[in-house]
């Protein structure tokens, strides 16, 4: 028997809404980080 690829056998999985929120938050944080780096390079 193999373990779940997503949870690695821990039985803990993020719900779809939390996965969407995390993806949005990470993309937004990365865009802000890139903007700060661009402004700081002047």
C-alpha atoms as a PDB file:
ATOM      1  CA  UNK A   1       0.000   0.000   0.000  1.00  0.00           C
ATOM      2  CA  UNK A   2       1.318   3.457  -0.919  1.00  0.00           C
ATOM      3  CA  UNK A   3       0.877   6.713   0.927  1.00  0.00           C
ATOM      4  CA  UNK A   4      -1.065   9.681  -0.363  1.00  0.00           C
ATOM      5  CA  UNK A   5       1.031  11.883  -2.630  1.00  0.00           C
ATOM      6  CA  UNK A   6      -0.567  15.070  -1.344  1.00  0.00           C
ATOM      7  CA  UNK A   7      -0.380  14.551   2.424  1.00  0.00           C
ATOM      8  CA  UNK A   8       2.478  12.055   2.551  1.00  0.00           C
ATOM      9  CA  UNK A   9       0.436   9.704   4.724  1.00  0.00           C
ATOM     10  CA  UNK A  10      -0.128  12.222   7.529  1.00  0.00           C
ATOM     11  CA  UNK A  11      -3.876  12.480   6.777  1.00  0.00           C
ATOM     12  CA  UNK A  12      -3.567  16.261   6.926  1.00  0.00           C
ATOM     13  CA  UNK A  13      -4.563  18.126   3.776  1.00  0.00           C
ATOM     14  CA  UNK A  14      -5.267  21.764   3.127  1.00  0.00           C
ATOM     15  CA  UNK A  15      -8.788  22.490   1.999  1.00  0.00           C
ATOM     16  CA  UNK A  16      -9.222  23.925  -1.499  1.00  0.00           C
ATOM     17  CA  UNK A  17     -10.121  27.399  -0.217  1.00  0.00           C
ATOM     18  CA  UNK A  18      -6.962  27.575   1.848  1.00  0.00           C
ATOM     19  CA  UNK A  19      -4.877  26.394  -1.116  1.00  0.00           C
ATOM     20  CA  UNK A  20      -6.372  29.176  -3.269  1.00  0.00           C
ATOM     21  CA  UNK A  21      -5.763  31.756  -0.543  1.00  0.00           C
ATOM     22  CA  UNK A  22      -2.147  30.618  -0.104  1.00  0.00           C
ATOM     23  CA  UNK A  23      -1.499  30.799  -3.858  1.00  0.00           C
ATOM     24  CA  UNK A  24      -2.977  34.311  -4.066  1.00  0.00           C
ATOM     25  CA  UNK A  25      -1.105  35.495  -0.988  1.00  0.00           C
ATOM     26  CA  UNK A  26       2.221  34.090  -2.203  1.00  0.00           C
ATOM     27  CA  UNK A  27       1.794  35.640  -5.674  1.00  0.00           C
ATOM     28  CA  UNK A  28       0.904  39.003  -4.159  1.00  0.00           C
ATOM     29  CA  UNK A  29       3.854  38.891  -1.749  1.00  0.00           C
ATOM     30  CA  UNK A  30       6.237  37.986  -4.577  1.00  0.00           C
ATOM     31  CA  UNK A  31       4.961  40.875  -6.729  1.00  0.00           C
ATOM     32  CA  UNK A  32       5.435  43.304  -3.835  1.00  0.00           C
ATOM     33  CA  UNK A  33       8.936  41.936  -3.211  1.00  0.00           C
ATOM     34  CA  UNK A  34       9.829  42.372  -6.888  1.00  0.00           C
ATOM     35  CA  UNK A  35       8.466  45.937  -6.890  1.00  0.00           C
ATOM     36  CA  UNK A  36      10.529  46.825  -3.819  1.00  0.00           C
ATOM     37  CA  UNK A  37      13.650  45.348  -5.406  1.00  0.00           C
ATOM     38  CA  UNK A  38      13.022  47.294  -8.622  1.00  0.00           C
ATOM     39  CA  UNK A  39      12.498  50.589  -6.762  1.00  0.00           C
ATOM     40  CA  UNK A  40      15.545  49.981  -4.591  1.00  0.00           C
ATOM     41  CA  UNK A  41      17.808  49.459  -7.623  1.00  0.00           C
ATOM     42  CA  UNK A  42      17.511  53.097  -8.741  1.00  0.00           C
END
